Amino acid sequence: MNKGGTIVAFVVGLGIGSAATWFYAKKRYEAIINEEVSSARETYNQLGKDLIEKNNRLKDKMFEKFDKELSEDLEEYETIVEKEYAEEKPQVKTVTPTSTKNSPYEAYEIPEEEYGSDDLYSLVSLTYFSDGVITDDFDEIVDDSKSILGENIYDILDNYENNSEVDIVHFRNDVRRSDYQILLARCNFNE
């Protein structure tokens, strides 16, 4: 073989060997890299899950502590309010209801202990004046008082107004899901 053929064969062999080595190394190192990447992903996913669980536990502990502190603060506040405003509380005599539930759409009288006992019912304060006017907390006249409290509401309230021992009467309307506390003003609305 001549010198030129040997050089060409050497160069061709070198090229083929280099290409084969490059493909083999590429395949091997891609497998190693993929294995490392998937291992890192699993590790970080587990770290992320652990952090989320730890965060949720800390959040639960924080809310428990907040709820406990809030309930303690509310108890303290209620104690202070009861002490400071005990003298201003209107004298209320427990009354046995005189009215009964005539219709499912009408309000019926309830004892004071039942007022606000159902959390699903809203609490409404009203004032009844001697001239037959019923107002809300903002001194706005309640025009539909008969539809809210029943047709005989004025008779019931007039009976209580003549009794000086009673200052507040309580009613419940199941259809409106409301408890009503009616203060007997014993004066006219315009006074």
N, C-alpha and C. Protein backbone atom coordinates (compact mmCIF):
# COMPACT_ATOMS: atom_id res chain seq x y z
N MET A 1 0.83 -1.15 0.00
CA MET A 1 0.00 0.00 0.00
C MET A 1 0.89 1.22 0.00
N ASN A 2 0.47 2.16 -0.64
CA ASN A 2 1.30 3.35 -0.73
C ASN A 2 1.05 4.28 0.44
N LYS A 3 1.88 5.20 0.55
CA LYS A 3 1.86 6.11 1.68
C LYS A 3 0.58 6.95 1.70
N GLY A 4 0.10 7.35 0.63
CA GLY A 4 -1.11 8.17 0.54
C GLY A 4 -2.33 7.40 0.98
N GLY A 5 -2.39 6.08 0.60
CA GLY A 5 -3.52 5.25 0.98
C GLY A 5 -3.52 4.99 2.48
N THR A 6 -2.33 4.86 3.05
CA THR A 6 -2.22 4.61 4.48
C THR A 6 -2.69 5.84 5.25
N ILE A 7 -2.33 6.99 4.81
CA ILE A 7 -2.73 8.23 5.50
C ILE A 7 -4.24 8.40 5.41
N VAL A 8 -4.81 8.10 4.24
CA VAL A 8 -6.26 8.23 4.07
C VAL A 8 -6.96 7.22 4.97
N ALA A 9 -6.44 5.99 5.01
CA ALA A 9 -7.05 4.97 5.86
C ALA A 9 -6.94 5.37 7.33
N PHE A 10 -5.80 5.93 7.71
CA PHE A 10 -5.60 6.37 9.09
C PHE A 10 -6.59 7.48 9.45
N VAL A 11 -6.74 8.46 8.57
CA VAL A 11 -7.64 9.59 8.81
C VAL A 11 -9.09 9.09 8.87
N VAL A 12 -9.47 8.19 7.97
CA VAL A 12 -10.83 7.65 7.97
C VAL A 12 -11.06 6.85 9.25
N GLY A 13 -10.12 6.02 9.65
CA GLY A 13 -10.23 5.24 10.89
C GLY A 13 -10.31 6.15 12.10
N LEU A 14 -9.50 7.21 12.09
CA LEU A 14 -9.53 8.18 13.19
C LEU A 14 -10.88 8.86 13.26
N GLY A 15 -11.44 9.24 12.15
CA GLY A 15 -12.77 9.89 12.11
C GLY A 15 -13.86 8.96 12.61
N ILE A 16 -13.83 7.69 12.14
CA ILE A 16 -14.85 6.73 12.56
C ILE A 16 -14.72 6.45 14.05
N GLY A 17 -13.52 6.28 14.54
CA GLY A 17 -13.29 6.01 15.97
C GLY A 17 -13.72 7.19 16.83
N SER A 18 -13.43 8.41 16.37
CA SER A 18 -13.83 9.61 17.12
C SER A 18 -15.34 9.75 17.16
N ALA A 19 -16.00 9.48 16.02
CA ALA A 19 -17.46 9.59 15.97
C ALA A 19 -18.10 8.55 16.88
N ALA A 20 -17.58 7.32 16.85
CA ALA A 20 -18.13 6.26 17.71
C ALA A 20 -17.93 6.62 19.18
N THR A 21 -16.76 7.11 19.52
CA THR A 21 -16.48 7.51 20.90
C THR A 21 -17.40 8.66 21.31
N TRP A 22 -17.61 9.61 20.44
CA TRP A 22 -18.49 10.77 20.76
C TRP A 22 -19.92 10.30 21.02
N PHE A 23 -20.46 9.44 20.14
CA PHE A 23 -21.83 8.93 20.32
C PHE A 23 -21.95 8.12 21.62
N TYR A 24 -20.97 7.28 21.91
CA TYR A 24 -21.00 6.48 23.14
C TYR A 24 -20.96 7.38 24.37
N ALA A 25 -20.05 8.36 24.37
CA ALA A 25 -19.90 9.27 25.52
C ALA A 25 -21.17 10.12 25.68
N LYS A 26 -21.74 10.57 24.57
CA LYS A 26 -22.96 11.39 24.63
C LYS A 26 -24.09 10.59 25.27
N LYS A 27 -24.28 9.34 24.81
CA LYS A 27 -25.35 8.50 25.32
C LYS A 27 -25.14 8.23 26.82
N ARG A 28 -23.94 7.90 27.22
CA ARG A 28 -23.64 7.57 28.61
C ARG A 28 -23.84 8.78 29.51
N TYR A 29 -23.32 9.95 29.13
CA TYR A 29 -23.43 11.12 29.98
C TYR A 29 -24.85 11.69 30.00
N GLU A 30 -25.62 11.52 28.93
CA GLU A 30 -27.03 11.91 28.95
C GLU A 30 -27.80 11.07 29.97
N ALA A 31 -27.50 9.78 30.02
CA ALA A 31 -28.15 8.90 31.00
C ALA A 31 -27.78 9.33 32.43
N ILE A 32 -26.51 9.65 32.66
CA ILE A 32 -26.06 10.10 33.99
C ILE A 32 -26.74 11.41 34.36
N ILE A 33 -26.80 12.34 33.40
CA ILE A 33 -27.42 13.65 33.65
C ILE A 33 -28.91 13.48 33.94
N ASN A 34 -29.61 12.65 33.13
CA ASN A 34 -31.04 12.41 33.37
C ASN A 34 -31.29 11.80 34.74
N GLU A 35 -30.43 10.87 35.14
CA GLU A 35 -30.56 10.24 36.46
C GLU A 35 -30.36 11.29 37.57
N GLU A 36 -29.36 12.15 37.43
CA GLU A 36 -29.10 13.20 38.41
C GLU A 36 -30.26 14.20 38.48
N VAL A 37 -30.79 14.58 37.32
CA VAL A 37 -31.90 15.54 37.27
C VAL A 37 -33.14 14.95 37.93
N SER A 38 -33.45 13.67 37.63
CA SER A 38 -34.64 13.08 38.23
C SER A 38 -34.45 12.90 39.73
N SER A 39 -33.24 12.58 40.16
CA SER A 39 -32.96 12.47 41.60
C SER A 39 -33.13 13.84 42.27
N ALA A 40 -32.64 14.88 41.64
CA ALA A 40 -32.78 16.24 42.19
C ALA A 40 -34.26 16.64 42.24
N ARG A 41 -35.02 16.31 41.20
CA ARG A 41 -36.46 16.63 41.19
C ARG A 41 -37.17 15.94 42.34
N GLU A 42 -36.89 14.64 42.53
CA GLU A 42 -37.52 13.91 43.63
C GLU A 42 -37.17 14.53 44.98
N THR A 43 -35.91 14.88 45.13
CA THR A 43 -35.46 15.49 46.39
C THR A 43 -36.17 16.81 46.63
N TYR A 44 -36.23 17.67 45.61
CA TYR A 44 -36.88 18.97 45.77
C TYR A 44 -38.39 18.84 45.93
N ASN A 45 -39.00 17.87 45.24
CA ASN A 45 -40.43 17.63 45.43
C ASN A 45 -40.72 17.21 46.87
N GLN A 46 -39.88 16.32 47.41
CA GLN A 46 -40.07 15.89 48.79
C GLN A 46 -39.84 17.07 49.75
N LEU A 47 -38.82 17.88 49.48
CA LEU A 47 -38.59 19.06 50.31
C LEU A 47 -39.78 20.01 50.25
N GLY A 48 -40.33 20.17 49.04
CA GLY A 48 -41.50 21.04 48.88
C GLY A 48 -42.69 20.52 49.67
N LYS A 49 -42.94 19.20 49.61
CA LYS A 49 -44.04 18.61 50.37
C LYS A 49 -43.82 18.78 51.86
N ASP A 50 -42.56 18.55 52.30
CA ASP A 50 -42.25 18.71 53.72
C ASP A 50 -42.47 20.15 54.17
N LEU A 51 -42.07 21.12 53.32
CA LEU A 51 -42.27 22.53 53.66
C LEU A 51 -43.75 22.88 53.73
N ILE A 52 -44.54 22.35 52.81
CA ILE A 52 -45.98 22.61 52.81
C ILE A 52 -46.61 22.03 54.07
N GLU A 53 -46.25 20.79 54.44
CA GLU A 53 -46.78 20.19 55.66
C GLU A 53 -46.38 20.99 56.89
N LYS A 54 -45.11 21.40 56.94
CA LYS A 54 -44.63 22.19 58.08
C LYS A 54 -45.36 23.53 58.13
N ASN A 55 -45.56 24.15 56.97
CA ASN A 55 -46.29 25.42 56.91
C ASN A 55 -47.72 25.24 57.41
N ASN A 56 -48.38 24.16 56.99
CA ASN A 56 -49.76 23.91 57.44
C ASN A 56 -49.82 23.66 58.94
N ARG A 57 -48.85 22.91 59.48
CA ARG A 57 -48.83 22.69 60.93
C ARG A 57 -48.63 24.01 61.67
N LEU A 58 -47.69 24.83 61.18
CA LEU A 58 -47.46 26.13 61.82
C LEU A 58 -48.69 27.02 61.73
N LYS A 59 -49.35 26.97 60.57
CA LYS A 59 -50.56 27.77 60.38
C LYS A 59 -51.65 27.31 61.35
N ASP A 60 -51.81 25.99 61.50
CA ASP A 60 -52.81 25.47 62.44
C ASP A 60 -52.49 25.89 63.87
N LYS A 61 -51.21 25.79 64.25
CA LYS A 61 -50.81 26.22 65.60
C LYS A 61 -51.08 27.71 65.79
N MET A 62 -50.79 28.50 64.75
CA MET A 62 -50.99 29.94 64.83
C MET A 62 -52.48 30.25 65.01
N PHE A 63 -53.35 29.58 64.23
CA PHE A 63 -54.78 29.82 64.34
C PHE A 63 -55.32 29.36 65.69
N GLU A 64 -54.80 28.22 66.20
CA GLU A 64 -55.22 27.78 67.53
C GLU A 64 -54.85 28.81 68.58
N LYS A 65 -53.64 29.32 68.49
CA LYS A 65 -53.18 30.33 69.44
C LYS A 65 -54.01 31.60 69.29
N PHE A 66 -54.27 32.01 68.06
CA PHE A 66 -55.08 33.21 67.82
C PHE A 66 -56.48 33.03 68.37
N ASP A 67 -57.11 31.85 68.11
CA ASP A 67 -58.46 31.59 68.62
C ASP A 67 -58.49 31.63 70.13
N LYS A 68 -57.47 31.03 70.75
CA LYS A 68 -57.41 31.02 72.21
C LYS A 68 -57.27 32.44 72.75
N GLU A 69 -56.35 33.23 72.17
CA GLU A 69 -56.17 34.60 72.62
C GLU A 69 -57.42 35.43 72.38
N LEU A 70 -58.06 35.22 71.22
CA LEU A 70 -59.27 35.97 70.91
C LEU A 70 -60.38 35.63 71.90
N SER A 71 -60.56 34.35 72.21
CA SER A 71 -61.62 33.99 73.15
C SER A 71 -61.32 34.54 74.54
N GLU A 72 -60.03 34.54 74.94
CA GLU A 72 -59.67 35.13 76.23
C GLU A 72 -59.95 36.63 76.23
N ASP A 73 -59.61 37.30 75.13
CA ASP A 73 -59.87 38.74 75.03
C ASP A 73 -61.36 39.03 75.06
N LEU A 74 -62.15 38.21 74.36
CA LEU A 74 -63.60 38.41 74.35
C LEU A 74 -64.19 38.19 75.74
N GLU A 75 -63.72 37.19 76.45
CA GLU A 75 -64.20 36.96 77.82
C GLU A 75 -63.86 38.15 78.71
N GLU A 76 -62.64 38.65 78.57
CA GLU A 76 -62.22 39.81 79.37
C GLU A 76 -63.07 41.03 79.02
N TYR A 77 -63.31 41.23 77.73
CA TYR A 77 -64.13 42.35 77.28
C TYR A 77 -65.55 42.24 77.83
N GLU A 78 -66.13 41.03 77.75
CA GLU A 78 -67.49 40.83 78.26
C GLU A 78 -67.56 41.11 79.75
N THR A 79 -66.53 40.70 80.49
CA THR A 79 -66.50 40.96 81.93
C THR A 79 -66.47 42.46 82.20
N ILE A 80 -65.64 43.18 81.46
CA ILE A 80 -65.54 44.63 81.64
C ILE A 80 -66.87 45.30 81.31
N VAL A 81 -67.46 44.90 80.18
CA VAL A 81 -68.74 45.50 79.78
C VAL A 81 -69.81 45.21 80.81
N GLU A 82 -69.86 43.98 81.30
CA GLU A 82 -70.87 43.64 82.30
C GLU A 82 -70.70 44.47 83.56
N LYS A 83 -69.47 44.68 83.98
CA LYS A 83 -69.21 45.46 85.20
C LYS A 83 -69.58 46.93 85.00
N GLU A 84 -69.17 47.51 83.86
CA GLU A 84 -69.36 48.94 83.65
C GLU A 84 -70.80 49.32 83.33
N TYR A 85 -71.51 48.43 82.65
CA TYR A 85 -72.85 48.79 82.20
C TYR A 85 -73.96 48.04 82.93
N ALA A 86 -73.63 47.45 84.04
CA ALA A 86 -74.65 46.71 84.80
C ALA A 86 -75.75 47.64 85.28
N GLU A 87 -75.40 48.88 85.64
CA GLU A 87 -76.42 49.81 86.13
C GLU A 87 -77.33 50.31 85.02
N GLU A 88 -76.81 50.35 83.77
CA GLU A 88 -77.60 50.89 82.67
C GLU A 88 -78.55 49.87 82.06
N LYS A 89 -78.39 48.61 82.42
CA LYS A 89 -79.22 47.56 81.84
C LYS A 89 -80.67 47.76 82.29
N PRO A 90 -81.62 47.74 81.35
CA PRO A 90 -83.01 47.93 81.74
C PRO A 90 -83.48 46.76 82.60
N GLN A 91 -84.34 47.09 83.53
CA GLN A 91 -84.90 46.06 84.39
C GLN A 91 -85.88 45.23 83.57
N VAL A 92 -85.58 43.95 83.46
CA VAL A 92 -86.41 43.07 82.65
C VAL A 92 -86.93 41.97 83.55
N LYS A 93 -88.20 41.80 83.53
CA LYS A 93 -88.82 40.73 84.29
C LYS A 93 -89.09 39.59 83.32
N THR A 94 -88.78 38.37 83.74
CA THR A 94 -89.06 37.22 82.90
C THR A 94 -90.57 37.06 82.79
N VAL A 95 -91.00 36.94 81.56
CA VAL A 95 -92.43 36.92 81.30
C VAL A 95 -92.79 35.60 80.63
N THR A 96 -93.87 35.03 81.04
CA THR A 96 -94.40 33.86 80.34
C THR A 96 -95.19 34.38 79.16
N PRO A 97 -94.89 33.92 77.95
CA PRO A 97 -95.57 34.45 76.78
C PRO A 97 -97.08 34.30 76.88
N THR A 98 -97.77 35.37 76.44
CA THR A 98 -99.23 35.36 76.47
C THR A 98 -99.80 34.98 75.13
N SER A 99 -98.99 35.10 74.08
CA SER A 99 -99.51 34.77 72.76
C SER A 99 -98.98 33.41 72.34
N THR A 100 -99.67 32.80 71.44
CA THR A 100 -99.23 31.51 70.90
C THR A 100 -99.08 31.67 69.39
N LYS A 101 -98.44 30.72 68.80
CA LYS A 101 -98.20 30.77 67.36
C LYS A 101 -99.51 30.42 66.64
N ASN A 102 -100.14 31.45 66.04
CA ASN A 102 -101.41 31.24 65.36
C ASN A 102 -101.21 30.75 63.94
N SER A 103 -100.22 31.27 63.27
CA SER A 103 -99.99 30.98 61.86
C SER A 103 -98.50 30.78 61.67
N PRO A 104 -98.09 29.95 60.74
CA PRO A 104 -96.65 29.76 60.52
C PRO A 104 -95.97 31.02 59.99
N TYR A 105 -96.76 31.99 59.52
CA TYR A 105 -96.18 33.22 58.97
C TYR A 105 -96.08 34.33 60.01
N GLU A 106 -96.69 34.15 61.16
CA GLU A 106 -96.69 35.19 62.18
C GLU A 106 -95.60 34.93 63.20
N ALA A 107 -95.14 36.00 63.79
CA ALA A 107 -94.20 35.88 64.90
C ALA A 107 -94.97 35.44 66.13
N TYR A 108 -94.29 34.81 67.04
CA TYR A 108 -94.91 34.39 68.29
C TYR A 108 -93.99 34.79 69.43
N GLU A 109 -94.58 35.00 70.56
CA GLU A 109 -93.83 35.46 71.71
C GLU A 109 -93.00 34.32 72.28
N ILE A 110 -91.77 34.67 72.72
CA ILE A 110 -90.87 33.68 73.31
C ILE A 110 -90.32 34.23 74.63
N PRO A 111 -89.90 33.37 75.52
CA PRO A 111 -89.27 33.85 76.76
C PRO A 111 -87.91 34.49 76.45
N GLU A 112 -87.46 35.32 77.35
CA GLU A 112 -86.19 36.03 77.16
C GLU A 112 -85.04 35.06 76.95
N GLU A 113 -85.05 33.91 77.61
CA GLU A 113 -83.96 32.94 77.51
C GLU A 113 -83.82 32.39 76.09
N GLU A 114 -84.91 32.34 75.34
CA GLU A 114 -84.86 31.80 73.98
C GLU A 114 -84.38 32.83 72.96
N TYR A 115 -84.43 34.11 73.33
CA TYR A 115 -84.00 35.16 72.40
C TYR A 115 -82.51 34.97 72.09
N GLY A 116 -82.20 34.82 70.80
CA GLY A 116 -80.81 34.66 70.36
C GLY A 116 -80.25 33.27 70.58
N SER A 117 -81.10 32.32 70.96
CA SER A 117 -80.60 30.97 71.23
C SER A 117 -80.31 30.19 69.96
N ASP A 118 -80.88 30.59 68.85
CA ASP A 118 -80.64 29.90 67.58
C ASP A 118 -79.71 30.76 66.73
N ASP A 119 -78.52 30.25 66.44
CA ASP A 119 -77.52 31.01 65.69
C ASP A 119 -77.94 31.30 64.26
N LEU A 120 -78.91 30.56 63.74
CA LEU A 120 -79.36 30.77 62.36
C LEU A 120 -80.34 31.94 62.25
N TYR A 121 -80.80 32.46 63.38
CA TYR A 121 -81.77 33.54 63.37
C TYR A 121 -81.04 34.87 63.59
N SER A 122 -81.48 35.90 62.85
CA SER A 122 -80.91 37.22 63.05
C SER A 122 -81.63 37.89 64.23
N LEU A 123 -80.91 38.76 64.91
CA LEU A 123 -81.46 39.46 66.07
C LEU A 123 -81.85 40.87 65.66
N VAL A 124 -83.09 41.26 65.99
CA VAL A 124 -83.60 42.57 65.60
C VAL A 124 -84.14 43.26 66.85
N SER A 125 -83.72 44.51 67.06
CA SER A 125 -84.23 45.29 68.18
C SER A 125 -85.20 46.34 67.64
N LEU A 126 -86.38 46.41 68.27
CA LEU A 126 -87.40 47.37 67.89
C LEU A 126 -87.85 48.12 69.13
N THR A 127 -88.49 49.26 68.92
CA THR A 127 -89.05 50.03 70.03
C THR A 127 -90.52 50.27 69.74
N TYR A 128 -91.37 50.01 70.76
CA TYR A 128 -92.81 50.22 70.64
C TYR A 128 -93.19 51.44 71.47
N PHE A 129 -93.82 52.42 70.82
CA PHE A 129 -94.23 53.65 71.50
C PHE A 129 -95.72 53.58 71.84
N SER A 130 -96.12 54.35 72.83
CA SER A 130 -97.50 54.33 73.32
C SER A 130 -98.52 54.68 72.24
N ASP A 131 -98.12 55.46 71.25
CA ASP A 131 -99.06 55.84 70.20
C ASP A 131 -99.13 54.79 69.09
N GLY A 132 -98.57 53.57 69.32
CA GLY A 132 -98.69 52.48 68.37
C GLY A 132 -97.62 52.46 67.29
N VAL A 133 -96.60 53.29 67.39
CA VAL A 133 -95.55 53.35 66.39
C VAL A 133 -94.44 52.37 66.80
N ILE A 134 -93.97 51.58 65.83
CA ILE A 134 -92.84 50.68 66.06
C ILE A 134 -91.69 51.16 65.19
N THR A 135 -90.50 51.32 65.82
CA THR A 135 -89.32 51.80 65.09
C THR A 135 -88.17 50.81 65.24
N ASP A 136 -87.20 50.93 64.31
CA ASP A 136 -86.01 50.09 64.40
C ASP A 136 -84.92 50.81 65.18
N ASP A 137 -83.70 50.29 65.14
CA ASP A 137 -82.58 50.88 65.88
C ASP A 137 -82.23 52.29 65.43
N PHE A 138 -82.61 52.64 64.21
CA PHE A 138 -82.28 53.95 63.66
C PHE A 138 -83.45 54.92 63.76
N ASP A 139 -84.43 54.58 64.59
CA ASP A 139 -85.65 55.38 64.77
C ASP A 139 -86.43 55.55 63.47
N GLU A 140 -86.29 54.60 62.56
CA GLU A 140 -87.08 54.58 61.34
C GLU A 140 -88.35 53.78 61.63
N ILE A 141 -89.48 54.30 61.21
CA ILE A 141 -90.75 53.63 61.47
C ILE A 141 -90.84 52.35 60.64
N VAL A 142 -91.24 51.24 61.30
CA VAL A 142 -91.41 49.96 60.63
C VAL A 142 -92.85 49.91 60.14
N ASP A 143 -93.02 50.08 58.83
CA ASP A 143 -94.37 50.15 58.25
C ASP A 143 -95.07 48.80 58.20
N ASP A 144 -94.32 47.73 57.98
CA ASP A 144 -94.95 46.42 57.82
C ASP A 144 -94.88 45.58 59.09
N SER A 145 -95.07 46.22 60.23
CA SER A 145 -94.94 45.52 61.51
C SER A 145 -95.95 44.38 61.66
N LYS A 146 -97.16 44.55 61.12
CA LYS A 146 -98.15 43.47 61.23
C LYS A 146 -97.75 42.25 60.40
N SER A 147 -97.12 42.47 59.25
CA SER A 147 -96.71 41.32 58.44
C SER A 147 -95.49 40.64 59.06
N ILE A 148 -94.69 41.39 59.80
CA ILE A 148 -93.51 40.82 60.44
C ILE A 148 -93.89 40.12 61.74
N LEU A 149 -94.66 40.80 62.57
CA LEU A 149 -94.93 40.32 63.92
C LEU A 149 -96.31 39.70 64.11
N GLY A 150 -97.21 39.89 63.18
CA GLY A 150 -98.54 39.29 63.28
C GLY A 150 -99.63 40.33 63.44
N GLU A 151 -100.84 39.92 63.12
CA GLU A 151 -101.99 40.83 63.14
C GLU A 151 -102.32 41.34 64.54
N ASN A 152 -102.09 40.53 65.57
CA ASN A 152 -102.48 40.92 66.92
C ASN A 152 -101.32 41.51 67.73
N ILE A 153 -100.27 41.94 67.07
CA ILE A 153 -99.10 42.46 67.78
C ILE A 153 -99.43 43.67 68.64
N TYR A 154 -100.26 44.56 68.14
CA TYR A 154 -100.57 45.77 68.90
C TYR A 154 -101.37 45.45 70.16
N ASP A 155 -102.27 44.48 70.09
CA ASP A 155 -103.01 44.07 71.29
C ASP A 155 -102.07 43.52 72.35
N ILE A 156 -101.13 42.69 71.92
CA ILE A 156 -100.18 42.09 72.86
C ILE A 156 -99.31 43.17 73.50
N LEU A 157 -98.77 44.06 72.67
CA LEU A 157 -97.89 45.10 73.19
C LEU A 157 -98.64 46.09 74.08
N ASP A 158 -99.91 46.39 73.75
CA ASP A 158 -100.71 47.28 74.60
C ASP A 158 -100.92 46.66 75.98
N ASN A 159 -101.14 45.35 76.03
CA ASN A 159 -101.30 44.67 77.32
C ASN A 159 -100.03 44.81 78.16
N TYR A 160 -98.88 44.65 77.53
CA TYR A 160 -97.63 44.79 78.27
C TYR A 160 -97.35 46.23 78.66
N GLU A 161 -97.76 47.15 77.81
CA GLU A 161 -97.50 48.56 78.11
C GLU A 161 -98.23 48.98 79.38
N ASN A 162 -99.37 48.39 79.63
CA ASN A 162 -100.13 48.71 80.85
C ASN A 162 -99.52 48.05 82.08
N ASN A 163 -98.60 47.11 81.89
CA ASN A 163 -97.94 46.42 83.00
C ASN A 163 -96.57 47.08 83.20
N SER A 164 -96.40 47.81 84.29
CA SER A 164 -95.17 48.58 84.49
C SER A 164 -93.97 47.71 84.85
N GLU A 165 -94.17 46.43 85.10
CA GLU A 165 -93.05 45.57 85.46
C GLU A 165 -92.29 45.04 84.24
N VAL A 166 -92.86 45.17 83.07
CA VAL A 166 -92.24 44.62 81.86
C VAL A 166 -91.74 45.76 80.99
N ASP A 167 -90.44 45.68 80.60
CA ASP A 167 -89.85 46.70 79.73
C ASP A 167 -89.51 46.17 78.34
N ILE A 168 -89.29 44.87 78.23
CA ILE A 168 -88.87 44.27 76.97
C ILE A 168 -89.66 42.99 76.73
N VAL A 169 -90.12 42.80 75.48
CA VAL A 169 -90.86 41.60 75.09
C VAL A 169 -90.12 40.98 73.90
N HIS A 170 -90.12 39.65 73.82
CA HIS A 170 -89.37 38.95 72.77
C HIS A 170 -90.31 38.14 71.89
N PHE A 171 -90.04 38.17 70.58
CA PHE A 171 -90.83 37.44 69.59
C PHE A 171 -89.89 36.71 68.65
N ARG A 172 -90.42 35.68 67.98
CA ARG A 172 -89.67 34.94 66.97
C ARG A 172 -90.55 34.77 65.74
N ASN A 173 -89.96 35.00 64.58
CA ASN A 173 -90.64 34.76 63.31
C ASN A 173 -89.82 33.71 62.55
N ASP A 174 -90.36 32.49 62.47
CA ASP A 174 -89.64 31.38 61.85
C ASP A 174 -89.47 31.56 60.34
N VAL A 175 -90.44 32.17 59.69
CA VAL A 175 -90.35 32.36 58.24
C VAL A 175 -89.23 33.33 57.91
N ARG A 176 -89.12 34.41 58.67
CA ARG A 176 -88.06 35.40 58.44
C ARG A 176 -86.75 35.02 59.13
N ARG A 177 -86.77 33.96 59.92
CA ARG A 177 -85.61 33.50 60.68
C ARG A 177 -85.02 34.65 61.49
N SER A 178 -85.90 35.29 62.28
CA SER A 178 -85.49 36.43 63.08
C SER A 178 -86.08 36.35 64.48
N ASP A 179 -85.30 36.80 65.45
CA ASP A 179 -85.76 37.00 66.82
C ASP A 179 -85.87 38.50 67.03
N TYR A 180 -86.99 38.93 67.62
CA TYR A 180 -87.25 40.36 67.82
C TYR A 180 -87.25 40.66 69.32
N GLN A 181 -86.56 41.71 69.68
CA GLN A 181 -86.57 42.23 71.04
C GLN A 181 -87.24 43.59 70.96
N ILE A 182 -88.39 43.72 71.61
CA ILE A 182 -89.16 44.96 71.50
C ILE A 182 -89.13 45.67 72.85
N LEU A 183 -88.56 46.87 72.84
CA LEU A 183 -88.49 47.72 74.03
C LEU A 183 -89.78 48.54 74.11
N LEU A 184 -90.42 48.52 75.26
CA LEU A 184 -91.65 49.30 75.45
C LEU A 184 -91.24 50.69 75.95
N ALA A 185 -91.42 51.70 75.11
CA ALA A 185 -90.92 53.05 75.41
C ALA A 185 -91.80 53.80 76.39
N ARG A 186 -93.08 53.53 76.45
CA ARG A 186 -94.04 54.21 77.34
C ARG A 186 -94.05 55.73 77.15
N CYS A 187 -93.87 56.15 75.92
CA CYS A 187 -94.04 57.55 75.54
C CYS A 187 -94.43 57.57 74.08
N ASN A 188 -94.89 58.72 73.59
CA ASN A 188 -95.25 58.82 72.18
C ASN A 188 -94.01 58.99 71.34
N PHE A 189 -94.10 58.59 70.08
CA PHE A 189 -92.98 58.65 69.16
C PHE A 189 -92.49 60.07 68.96
N ASN A 190 -93.39 61.03 68.90
CA ASN A 190 -93.02 62.42 68.60
C ASN A 190 -92.46 63.15 69.81
N GLU A 191 -92.50 62.54 70.97
CA GLU A 191 -91.99 63.22 72.18
C GLU A 191 -90.50 63.22 72.22
